N, C-alpha and C. Protein backbone atom coordinates (compact mmCIF):
# COMPACT_ATOMS: atom_id res chain seq x y z
N MET A 1 16.33 35.22 158.10
CA MET A 1 17.75 35.37 158.95
C MET A 1 18.15 36.73 158.86
N ASN A 2 18.61 37.43 159.64
CA ASN A 2 19.36 38.76 159.57
C ASN A 2 20.92 38.27 159.68
N LEU A 3 21.50 39.12 159.44
CA LEU A 3 23.36 39.05 159.75
C LEU A 3 23.58 38.43 161.13
N ARG A 4 22.85 39.47 162.14
CA ARG A 4 23.10 38.91 163.47
C ARG A 4 22.70 37.70 163.91
N GLU A 5 21.62 37.18 163.38
CA GLU A 5 21.10 35.87 163.70
C GLU A 5 21.96 34.97 163.16
N PHE A 6 22.62 35.25 161.83
CA PHE A 6 23.70 34.21 161.37
C PHE A 6 24.62 34.15 161.75
N PHE A 7 25.34 35.19 162.47
CA PHE A 7 26.49 34.98 163.35
C PHE A 7 26.14 34.29 164.62
N ASP A 8 25.08 34.81 165.48
CA ASP A 8 24.59 34.02 166.91
C ASP A 8 24.58 32.82 166.53
N MET A 9 24.31 32.12 165.24
CA MET A 9 24.16 30.74 165.15
C MET A 9 25.29 29.94 164.64
N LEU A 10 26.37 30.56 164.40
CA LEU A 10 27.51 30.34 163.97
C LEU A 10 28.50 30.30 165.12
N ALA A 11 27.96 31.19 166.41
CA ALA A 11 29.04 31.30 167.29
C ALA A 11 29.50 30.40 168.47
N PRO A 12 28.60 29.32 168.61
CA PRO A 12 29.28 28.18 169.22
C PRO A 12 30.32 27.31 168.79
N GLN A 13 30.32 27.27 167.42
CA GLN A 13 31.45 26.31 166.81
C GLN A 13 32.43 27.33 165.85
N TRP A 14 32.53 28.63 166.19
CA TRP A 14 33.24 29.52 165.40
C TRP A 14 34.82 29.10 165.44
N GLU A 15 35.26 29.06 166.83
CA GLU A 15 36.53 28.96 166.80
C GLU A 15 37.18 27.55 166.68
N GLU A 16 36.33 26.71 166.85
CA GLU A 16 36.21 25.16 166.42
C GLU A 16 36.78 25.05 164.93
N LYS A 17 36.41 25.83 164.08
CA LYS A 17 36.66 25.62 162.72
C LYS A 17 37.93 26.57 162.32
N LEU A 18 38.84 27.06 163.10
CA LEU A 18 39.91 27.89 162.86
C LEU A 18 41.04 26.67 163.18
N GLU A 19 41.93 27.12 162.12
CA GLU A 19 43.13 26.32 161.98
C GLU A 19 44.38 26.76 162.33
N GLU A 20 45.26 25.99 162.35
CA GLU A 20 46.52 26.95 162.82
C GLU A 20 47.12 27.81 162.07
N GLU A 21 46.95 27.77 160.82
CA GLU A 21 47.35 28.53 159.71
C GLU A 21 46.40 29.82 159.89
N ASP A 22 45.19 29.77 160.30
CA ASP A 22 44.43 31.19 160.60
C ASP A 22 45.15 32.00 161.83
N PHE A 23 45.55 31.29 162.74
CA PHE A 23 46.08 31.99 163.65
C PHE A 23 47.50 32.76 163.13
N GLU A 24 48.16 31.92 162.78
CA GLU A 24 49.57 32.30 161.99
C GLU A 24 49.33 33.25 160.96
N ARG A 25 47.94 33.60 160.45
CA ARG A 25 47.92 34.62 159.31
C ARG A 25 47.54 35.65 160.00
N ILE A 26 46.82 35.72 161.25
CA ILE A 26 46.49 36.73 162.08
C ILE A 26 47.53 37.68 162.77
N GLU A 27 48.59 36.79 162.96
CA GLU A 27 49.87 37.02 163.70
C GLU A 27 50.72 37.78 162.68
N ARG A 28 50.67 37.07 161.68
CA ARG A 28 51.25 38.09 160.74
C ARG A 28 50.61 39.26 160.28
N LEU A 29 49.47 39.48 160.19
CA LEU A 29 48.43 40.66 159.89
C LEU A 29 49.12 41.86 161.16
N ILE A 30 48.97 41.33 162.49
CA ILE A 30 49.41 42.13 163.39
C ILE A 30 50.73 42.80 163.53
N ASP A 31 51.62 41.56 163.04
CA ASP A 31 52.91 42.05 162.97
C ASP A 31 53.13 43.24 161.86
N GLU A 32 52.52 43.29 160.80
CA GLU A 32 52.57 44.11 159.68
C GLU A 32 52.18 45.74 160.03
N ILE A 33 51.04 45.67 160.93
CA ILE A 33 50.67 46.96 161.20
C ILE A 33 51.17 47.58 162.42
N GLU A 34 51.12 49.10 162.00
CA GLU A 34 51.60 49.57 163.28
C GLU A 34 50.42 50.33 164.26
N ILE A 35 50.67 49.57 165.41
CA ILE A 35 49.51 49.94 166.55
C ILE A 35 49.96 50.83 167.58
N ARG A 36 49.27 52.25 167.69
CA ARG A 36 49.64 52.97 168.64
C ARG A 36 49.16 52.60 170.17
N ASN A 37 49.96 52.84 171.26
CA ASN A 37 49.22 52.54 172.38
C ASN A 37 48.18 53.66 172.84
N GLY A 38 47.33 53.19 173.59
CA GLY A 38 45.96 53.99 173.57
C GLY A 38 44.75 53.14 173.52
N ASN A 39 43.80 53.62 173.08
CA ASN A 39 42.37 52.71 172.78
C ASN A 39 42.23 52.44 171.57
N VAL A 40 42.15 51.00 171.56
CA VAL A 40 42.39 50.21 170.12
C VAL A 40 40.77 49.59 170.17
N LEU A 41 40.06 49.57 168.96
CA LEU A 41 38.49 49.10 168.87
C LEU A 41 38.76 48.04 167.96
N ASP A 42 38.42 46.61 168.20
CA ASP A 42 38.26 45.63 167.30
C ASP A 42 36.92 45.54 167.12
N CYS A 43 36.50 46.09 165.83
CA CYS A 43 35.11 46.45 165.42
C CYS A 43 34.70 45.09 164.54
N GLY A 44 33.44 44.26 164.98
CA GLY A 44 33.29 43.17 164.32
C GLY A 44 34.26 42.07 164.76
N CYS A 45 34.35 42.08 166.21
CA CYS A 45 35.54 41.22 167.05
C CYS A 45 35.10 39.82 166.87
N GLY A 46 33.68 39.58 166.73
CA GLY A 46 33.39 37.95 166.76
C GLY A 46 33.46 37.30 168.44
N THR A 47 34.41 36.52 168.40
CA THR A 47 34.57 35.63 169.64
C THR A 47 35.73 36.26 170.11
N GLY A 48 36.45 37.23 169.82
CA GLY A 48 37.64 38.05 170.37
C GLY A 48 38.74 37.40 169.91
N ILE A 49 39.05 36.75 168.78
CA ILE A 49 40.26 35.91 168.47
C ILE A 49 41.52 37.05 168.53
N LEU A 50 41.35 38.07 168.02
CA LEU A 50 42.33 39.18 167.93
C LEU A 50 42.91 39.72 169.22
N HIS A 51 42.19 39.54 170.27
CA HIS A 51 42.36 40.08 171.72
C HIS A 51 43.78 39.68 171.98
N GLN A 52 44.21 38.45 172.13
CA GLN A 52 45.61 38.10 172.57
C GLN A 52 46.83 38.89 171.94
N PHE A 53 46.50 38.83 170.72
CA PHE A 53 47.18 39.29 169.54
C PHE A 53 47.60 40.84 169.92
N LEU A 54 46.35 41.42 170.19
CA LEU A 54 46.38 42.88 170.27
C LEU A 54 47.14 43.35 171.62
N LEU A 55 46.80 42.35 172.69
CA LEU A 55 47.60 42.44 174.04
C LEU A 55 48.53 42.38 174.12
N GLU A 56 49.36 41.86 173.15
CA GLU A 56 50.95 41.01 173.07
C GLU A 56 51.56 42.66 172.65
N LYS A 57 50.88 43.35 171.37
CA LYS A 57 51.25 44.16 170.81
C LYS A 57 51.49 45.44 171.39
N LEU A 58 50.18 45.89 172.28
CA LEU A 58 50.00 47.04 173.05
C LEU A 58 50.86 46.92 174.26
N GLY A 59 50.73 46.06 175.27
CA GLY A 59 51.08 46.08 176.53
C GLY A 59 50.19 46.76 177.26
N PRO A 60 50.59 46.91 178.44
CA PRO A 60 49.82 47.19 179.60
C PRO A 60 49.37 48.85 179.22
N LYS A 61 49.78 49.73 178.73
CA LYS A 61 49.07 50.98 178.20
C LYS A 61 48.31 51.11 177.23
N GLY A 62 47.88 49.85 176.37
CA GLY A 62 46.60 50.11 175.80
C GLY A 62 45.56 49.50 176.22
N LYS A 63 44.24 49.84 175.80
CA LYS A 63 42.93 49.48 176.27
C LYS A 63 42.54 48.80 174.99
N ILE A 64 41.84 47.72 174.78
CA ILE A 64 41.31 47.03 173.75
C ILE A 64 39.45 47.10 173.79
N PHE A 65 39.01 47.70 173.06
CA PHE A 65 37.41 47.58 173.14
C PHE A 65 36.90 46.67 172.17
N GLU A 66 36.01 46.04 172.35
CA GLU A 66 35.53 44.87 171.27
C GLU A 66 34.06 45.28 170.96
N MET A 67 33.71 45.23 169.89
CA MET A 67 32.27 45.44 169.61
C MET A 67 32.06 44.56 168.61
N ASP A 68 30.72 43.78 168.54
CA ASP A 68 30.22 43.12 167.54
C ASP A 68 28.65 43.23 167.54
N ILE A 69 28.14 42.76 166.33
CA ILE A 69 26.45 43.06 166.29
C ILE A 69 26.09 41.79 166.91
N SER A 70 26.79 40.77 167.04
CA SER A 70 26.30 39.34 167.76
C SER A 70 26.48 39.07 169.20
N PHE A 71 25.19 38.93 169.92
CA PHE A 71 25.67 38.70 170.82
C PHE A 71 26.23 37.39 171.62
N ASN A 72 25.48 36.22 170.58
CA ASN A 72 26.12 35.15 171.03
C ASN A 72 28.00 35.07 171.03
N MET A 73 28.35 35.94 169.58
CA MET A 73 29.87 36.09 169.61
C MET A 73 30.46 36.47 170.82
N LEU A 74 29.73 37.58 171.30
CA LEU A 74 30.19 38.47 172.38
C LEU A 74 30.55 37.83 173.91
N LYS A 75 29.58 36.84 173.96
CA LYS A 75 29.22 36.26 175.32
C LYS A 75 30.95 35.04 175.48
N ILE A 76 31.43 34.62 174.04
CA ILE A 76 32.66 34.06 173.96
C ILE A 76 33.74 35.23 174.15
N ALA A 77 33.50 36.17 173.46
CA ALA A 77 34.77 37.23 173.53
C ALA A 77 34.89 37.71 175.07
N LYS A 78 33.66 37.66 175.58
CA LYS A 78 33.87 38.46 177.04
C LYS A 78 34.52 37.84 177.99
N ILE A 79 34.79 36.25 177.73
CA ILE A 79 35.75 35.36 178.24
C ILE A 79 37.18 35.98 178.38
N LYS A 80 37.28 36.19 177.29
CA LYS A 80 39.01 36.77 177.33
C LYS A 80 39.23 38.19 177.33
N ASN A 81 37.98 39.05 177.40
CA ASN A 81 38.03 40.35 177.70
C ASN A 81 37.04 41.05 178.51
N PRO A 82 36.88 40.88 179.59
CA PRO A 82 35.36 40.93 180.56
C PRO A 82 35.23 42.62 180.53
N LYS A 83 36.45 43.29 180.35
CA LYS A 83 35.97 44.81 180.72
C LYS A 83 35.29 45.68 179.71
N PHE A 84 35.65 45.39 178.48
CA PHE A 84 35.58 46.36 177.34
C PHE A 84 34.69 45.82 176.25
N ILE A 85 33.45 45.05 176.72
CA ILE A 85 33.10 44.28 175.39
C ILE A 85 31.56 45.29 175.10
N LEU A 86 31.14 45.15 173.88
CA LEU A 86 29.99 46.09 173.73
C LEU A 86 29.19 45.54 172.41
N GLN A 87 27.79 45.20 172.71
CA GLN A 87 27.40 44.94 171.50
C GLN A 87 26.55 46.02 170.88
N GLY A 88 26.90 46.19 169.31
CA GLY A 88 26.54 47.73 168.77
C GLY A 88 26.78 47.36 167.01
N ASP A 89 26.37 47.97 166.38
CA ASP A 89 26.08 48.23 165.16
C ASP A 89 27.10 49.24 164.47
N ALA A 90 28.19 48.78 163.52
CA ALA A 90 29.23 49.66 163.14
C ALA A 90 28.49 50.87 162.47
N GLU A 91 27.48 50.98 161.78
CA GLU A 91 27.00 52.06 161.06
C GLU A 91 26.34 53.02 162.46
N PHE A 92 26.45 52.68 163.44
CA PHE A 92 25.96 53.30 164.64
C PHE A 92 26.83 53.33 165.74
N MET A 93 28.06 53.83 165.69
CA MET A 93 29.02 53.22 166.84
C MET A 93 28.51 54.26 167.94
N PRO A 94 28.43 53.59 169.20
CA PRO A 94 27.90 54.46 170.38
C PRO A 94 29.13 54.69 171.27
N PHE A 95 30.05 55.49 170.49
CA PHE A 95 31.19 56.24 171.36
C PHE A 95 31.11 57.84 170.77
N ILE A 96 31.95 58.33 172.00
CA ILE A 96 32.15 60.02 171.32
C ILE A 96 33.17 60.14 170.63
N SER A 97 33.07 61.12 169.83
CA SER A 97 34.08 61.53 168.66
C SER A 97 35.30 61.51 169.38
N SER A 98 36.10 61.26 168.33
CA SER A 98 38.00 61.20 169.05
C SER A 98 37.90 60.44 169.95
N SER A 99 37.74 59.10 170.13
CA SER A 99 37.84 58.27 171.22
C SER A 99 38.84 57.47 171.02
N PHE A 100 39.22 56.84 169.70
CA PHE A 100 40.23 55.55 169.72
C PHE A 100 41.42 56.06 168.77
N ASP A 101 42.47 55.82 169.19
CA ASP A 101 43.77 55.62 168.18
C ASP A 101 43.90 54.83 167.40
N THR A 102 43.17 53.86 167.52
CA THR A 102 43.25 52.80 166.17
C THR A 102 41.81 52.09 166.28
N VAL A 103 41.42 51.77 164.99
CA VAL A 103 40.11 50.63 164.68
C VAL A 103 40.67 49.72 163.76
N ILE A 104 40.32 48.57 164.26
CA ILE A 104 40.46 47.31 163.17
C ILE A 104 39.22 46.60 162.95
N PHE A 105 39.10 46.13 161.58
CA PHE A 105 38.29 45.26 161.05
C PHE A 105 38.95 44.31 160.97
N LEU A 106 38.65 43.08 161.69
CA LEU A 106 39.35 41.94 161.08
C LEU A 106 38.34 40.76 160.55
N ASN A 107 38.23 40.55 159.28
CA ASN A 107 37.50 39.76 158.62
C ASN A 107 35.95 40.20 158.76
N ALA A 108 35.83 41.48 158.94
CA ALA A 108 34.39 41.94 158.84
C ALA A 108 34.15 42.81 157.73
N PHE A 109 34.87 43.46 157.52
CA PHE A 109 34.36 44.62 156.31
C PHE A 109 33.44 44.13 155.35
N PRO A 110 33.30 42.82 154.56
CA PRO A 110 32.67 42.66 153.73
C PRO A 110 31.17 42.30 154.19
N HIS A 111 30.98 42.57 155.61
CA HIS A 111 29.64 42.11 155.91
C HIS A 111 28.95 43.49 156.35
N PHE A 112 29.77 44.74 156.18
CA PHE A 112 29.07 45.93 156.62
C PHE A 112 28.01 46.31 155.51
N ARG A 113 26.88 46.38 155.77
CA ARG A 113 26.02 46.76 154.61
C ARG A 113 26.40 48.07 154.15
N ASN A 114 26.48 48.96 154.70
CA ASN A 114 26.59 50.23 154.16
C ASN A 114 28.07 50.80 154.63
N LYS A 115 28.75 50.61 153.85
CA LYS A 115 30.48 50.58 154.10
C LYS A 115 30.88 51.92 154.20
N LYS A 116 30.21 52.83 153.31
CA LYS A 116 30.36 54.11 153.42
C LYS A 116 30.06 54.88 154.73
N VAL A 117 28.85 54.38 155.28
CA VAL A 117 28.55 54.91 156.71
C VAL A 117 29.58 54.25 157.79
N VAL A 118 29.92 53.26 157.60
CA VAL A 118 30.85 52.66 158.64
C VAL A 118 32.10 53.30 158.58
N LEU A 119 32.52 53.79 157.57
CA LEU A 119 33.98 54.62 157.39
C LEU A 119 33.82 55.85 157.95
N LYS A 120 32.69 56.59 157.90
CA LYS A 120 32.57 57.77 158.03
C LYS A 120 32.44 57.77 159.80
N GLU A 121 31.62 56.78 160.16
CA GLU A 121 31.28 56.46 161.86
C GLU A 121 32.91 56.55 162.10
N THR A 122 33.63 55.50 161.74
CA THR A 122 34.96 55.39 161.83
C THR A 122 36.06 56.50 162.13
N PHE A 123 35.79 57.10 160.71
CA PHE A 123 36.73 58.68 161.03
C PHE A 123 36.26 59.64 162.23
N ARG A 124 34.85 59.59 162.65
CA ARG A 124 34.42 60.25 163.79
C ARG A 124 34.90 59.97 165.00
N ILE A 125 34.99 58.56 165.09
CA ILE A 125 35.45 58.07 166.54
C ILE A 125 36.94 58.02 166.61
N LEU A 126 37.53 58.10 165.61
CA LEU A 126 39.34 58.11 165.55
C LEU A 126 39.76 59.62 166.10
N LYS A 127 40.80 59.55 166.94
CA LYS A 127 41.60 60.61 167.07
C LYS A 127 42.22 61.23 165.84
N ASP A 128 42.55 62.52 166.00
CA ASP A 128 43.41 62.85 165.15
C ASP A 128 44.88 62.07 165.05
N GLY A 129 45.44 61.81 163.73
CA GLY A 129 46.36 61.12 163.64
C GLY A 129 45.98 59.39 164.00
N GLY A 130 44.73 59.04 164.06
CA GLY A 130 44.35 57.74 164.42
C GLY A 130 44.42 57.19 163.27
N LYS A 131 44.46 55.59 163.22
CA LYS A 131 44.54 54.83 162.22
C LYS A 131 43.61 53.79 162.09
N LEU A 132 43.02 53.42 160.70
CA LEU A 132 41.95 52.43 160.48
C LEU A 132 42.79 51.25 159.86
N PHE A 133 42.50 50.03 160.21
CA PHE A 133 43.04 49.15 159.47
C PHE A 133 42.17 47.84 158.89
N ILE A 134 41.75 47.76 158.00
CA ILE A 134 40.83 46.80 157.24
C ILE A 134 41.59 45.54 157.01
N LEU A 135 41.62 44.19 157.67
CA LEU A 135 42.51 43.15 157.71
C LEU A 135 41.66 42.01 157.18
N HIS A 136 42.22 41.32 156.45
CA HIS A 136 41.77 39.86 155.77
C HIS A 136 42.69 38.78 155.84
N THR A 137 42.52 37.53 156.40
CA THR A 137 43.63 36.50 156.50
C THR A 137 43.92 35.77 155.12
N PHE A 138 43.05 36.34 154.19
CA PHE A 138 43.28 35.89 152.87
C PHE A 138 42.93 37.07 151.96
N PRO A 139 43.64 36.87 150.75
CA PRO A 139 43.59 37.70 149.83
C PRO A 139 41.95 38.18 149.31
N ARG A 140 41.80 39.29 148.49
CA ARG A 140 40.43 39.27 148.35
C ARG A 140 39.60 38.33 147.21
N GLU A 141 40.23 37.72 146.38
CA GLU A 141 39.68 36.92 145.66
C GLU A 141 39.01 35.71 146.16
N GLU A 142 40.06 35.25 147.41
CA GLU A 142 39.52 33.93 147.93
C GLU A 142 38.53 34.50 149.24
N VAL A 143 38.42 35.69 149.69
CA VAL A 143 37.52 36.02 150.51
C VAL A 143 35.98 36.21 149.81
N ASN A 144 36.02 36.79 148.79
CA ASN A 144 34.61 36.62 147.77
C ASN A 144 34.25 35.62 147.46
N SER A 145 35.11 34.82 146.88
CA SER A 145 34.92 33.22 146.66
C SER A 145 34.17 32.71 147.52
N PHE A 146 34.68 32.62 148.58
CA PHE A 146 34.28 31.74 149.98
C PHE A 146 32.78 32.29 150.42
N HIS A 147 32.70 33.73 150.42
CA HIS A 147 31.32 34.39 150.43
C HIS A 147 30.28 33.76 149.50
N LYS A 148 30.66 34.07 148.22
CA LYS A 148 29.54 33.68 147.07
C LYS A 148 29.23 31.94 147.30
N ASN A 149 30.45 31.19 147.60
CA ASN A 149 30.06 29.91 147.51
C ASN A 149 29.37 29.53 148.82
N TYR A 150 29.49 30.02 149.94
CA TYR A 150 28.59 29.75 150.90
C TYR A 150 27.46 30.18 150.72
N GLY A 151 27.19 31.27 150.17
CA GLY A 151 25.81 31.77 149.85
C GLY A 151 24.82 31.90 150.93
N GLY A 152 23.59 32.29 150.45
CA GLY A 152 22.43 32.51 151.64
C GLY A 152 22.82 34.35 151.98
N ILE A 153 22.95 34.74 153.40
CA ILE A 153 22.81 36.06 153.81
C ILE A 153 24.44 36.40 153.69
N ILE A 154 25.30 35.38 153.58
CA ILE A 154 26.83 36.49 153.13
C ILE A 154 27.07 36.48 151.47
N ALA A 155 26.17 35.61 150.84
CA ALA A 155 26.68 35.66 149.48
C ALA A 155 27.08 36.81 148.71
N ASP A 156 26.57 37.88 149.33
CA ASP A 156 26.69 39.28 148.52
C ASP A 156 27.94 39.99 149.22
N ASP A 157 28.38 39.70 150.48
CA ASP A 157 29.22 40.36 151.60
C ASP A 157 30.68 40.17 150.89
N LEU A 158 31.16 41.07 149.81
CA LEU A 158 32.20 41.22 149.18
C LEU A 158 33.35 42.14 149.40
N LEU A 159 34.52 42.04 149.43
CA LEU A 159 35.59 43.08 149.50
C LEU A 159 35.56 43.77 148.29
N PRO A 160 35.23 44.95 148.20
CA PRO A 160 35.18 45.53 146.68
C PRO A 160 36.68 45.79 146.54
N GLU A 161 36.59 46.33 145.01
CA GLU A 161 37.97 46.33 144.41
C GLU A 161 38.59 47.59 144.70
N ASN A 162 40.31 47.57 144.73
CA ASN A 162 41.02 48.78 145.58
C ASN A 162 40.78 50.17 145.07
N PRO A 163 40.12 50.19 143.97
CA PRO A 163 39.98 51.74 143.45
C PRO A 163 38.49 52.17 144.63
N GLU A 164 37.64 51.16 144.57
CA GLU A 164 36.46 51.60 145.09
C GLU A 164 36.52 51.54 146.74
N ILE A 165 37.52 50.86 147.16
CA ILE A 165 37.98 50.80 148.60
C ILE A 165 38.71 52.47 148.83
N ILE A 166 39.38 52.79 148.06
CA ILE A 166 40.49 53.93 148.07
C ILE A 166 39.37 55.30 148.03
N SER A 167 38.12 55.09 146.94
CA SER A 167 37.39 56.32 146.88
C SER A 167 36.30 56.49 148.06
N MET A 168 35.88 55.35 148.91
CA MET A 168 35.11 55.21 149.89
C MET A 168 35.71 56.14 150.92
N LEU A 169 37.12 55.71 151.21
CA LEU A 169 38.00 56.20 152.31
C LEU A 169 38.36 57.84 152.09
N GLU A 170 38.60 58.08 150.83
CA GLU A 170 38.66 59.32 150.37
C GLU A 170 37.28 60.12 150.88
N GLU A 171 36.26 59.84 150.45
CA GLU A 171 34.95 60.34 150.65
C GLU A 171 34.60 60.54 152.28
N ALA A 172 35.39 59.63 152.90
CA ALA A 172 35.09 59.85 154.36
C ALA A 172 35.95 60.60 155.20
N ASN A 173 36.97 61.11 154.23
CA ASN A 173 37.97 62.08 154.57
C ASN A 173 39.39 61.40 155.05
N PHE A 174 39.56 60.11 154.98
CA PHE A 174 40.67 59.34 155.27
C PHE A 174 42.02 59.91 154.56
N SER A 175 43.27 59.66 154.69
CA SER A 175 44.24 60.15 153.88
C SER A 175 45.47 59.04 154.24
N LYS A 176 46.58 58.98 153.59
CA LYS A 176 47.63 57.87 153.69
C LYS A 176 47.00 56.63 153.64
N ILE A 177 46.36 56.37 152.37
CA ILE A 177 45.72 55.30 152.38
C ILE A 177 46.68 54.28 151.76
N ARG A 178 46.82 53.07 152.10
CA ARG A 178 47.57 52.16 151.59
C ARG A 178 46.97 50.80 151.59
N ILE A 179 47.19 50.06 150.44
CA ILE A 179 46.58 48.41 150.46
C ILE A 179 47.72 47.64 150.19
N ILE A 180 47.60 46.59 150.98
CA ILE A 180 48.72 45.47 150.54
C ILE A 180 47.70 44.34 150.29
N GLU A 181 48.02 43.81 149.14
CA GLU A 181 47.51 42.45 148.96
C GLU A 181 48.28 41.25 148.31
N LYS A 182 48.63 40.42 149.35
CA LYS A 182 49.72 39.28 149.05
C LYS A 182 48.67 38.13 149.27
N ASP A 183 49.49 37.27 150.33
CA ASP A 183 48.48 36.20 150.67
C ASP A 183 47.47 36.42 151.95
N VAL A 184 47.63 37.76 152.35
CA VAL A 184 46.62 38.48 153.24
C VAL A 184 46.02 39.93 152.61
N PHE A 185 45.03 40.65 153.10
CA PHE A 185 44.78 41.56 152.60
C PHE A 185 44.69 42.61 153.75
N ILE A 186 45.55 43.79 153.27
CA ILE A 186 45.43 45.00 154.46
C ILE A 186 45.40 46.13 153.81
N VAL A 187 44.39 47.01 154.47
CA VAL A 187 44.01 48.36 154.05
C VAL A 187 44.42 49.18 155.39
N SER A 188 45.25 50.23 155.09
CA SER A 188 45.49 51.26 156.13
C SER A 188 45.23 52.65 155.87
N ALA A 189 44.44 53.40 156.67
CA ALA A 189 44.35 54.74 156.24
C ALA A 189 44.49 55.67 157.72
N GLU A 190 44.48 57.08 157.49
CA GLU A 190 44.87 57.68 158.66
C GLU A 190 43.86 58.94 158.94
N LYS A 191 43.60 59.01 159.99
CA LYS A 191 42.77 60.53 160.02
C LYS A 191 43.39 61.52 160.31
N ARG A 192 43.34 62.63 159.23
CA ARG A 192 44.25 64.14 159.64
C ARG A 192 43.29 64.65 159.52
N GLY A 193 43.04 65.58 160.53
CA GLY A 193 42.21 66.94 160.68
C GLY A 193 40.77 66.76 160.17
N GLU A 194 39.96 67.70 160.44
CA GLU A 194 38.75 67.46 159.91
C GLU A 194 38.22 68.55 159.19
């Protein structure tokens, strides 16, 4: 079973497993970050849980694009956002350069097999001054412990340590890198020039 098949299998019951606390944590994450009006990509969107939170923050001037590798997850996401849904791989983003003001990975970053390539692709599709946010509803230790204990194809899908994340972001030419780790996990970085 590959990662796409794994998430396709989980899609029908994905949102049923979420609790009120999960939604509260997502709301806190979105409140903590600065999102500009314009084009926002929710990369690794799953069933589109983030859509309503982003819609409230952006208002009518923003466009939310959602991309995921799992077709079954996207079928559910399409109900929430029928216009801008795309099946794709974060290592080969099907967008022209400088398309987005913001790219968000919510609970997705550990699942990217080649994180360096994903970050370089993200840099490419961001506009100058655009922001990347790597968000998790739980701190690194809990995310990594959950994935290890779940086992199988996601057993090694871990959030790297902060110095490694910073190094990968710098290698992809990001600047203004900031990491907040409390009861949630937030990485922000900005594209400045090329």
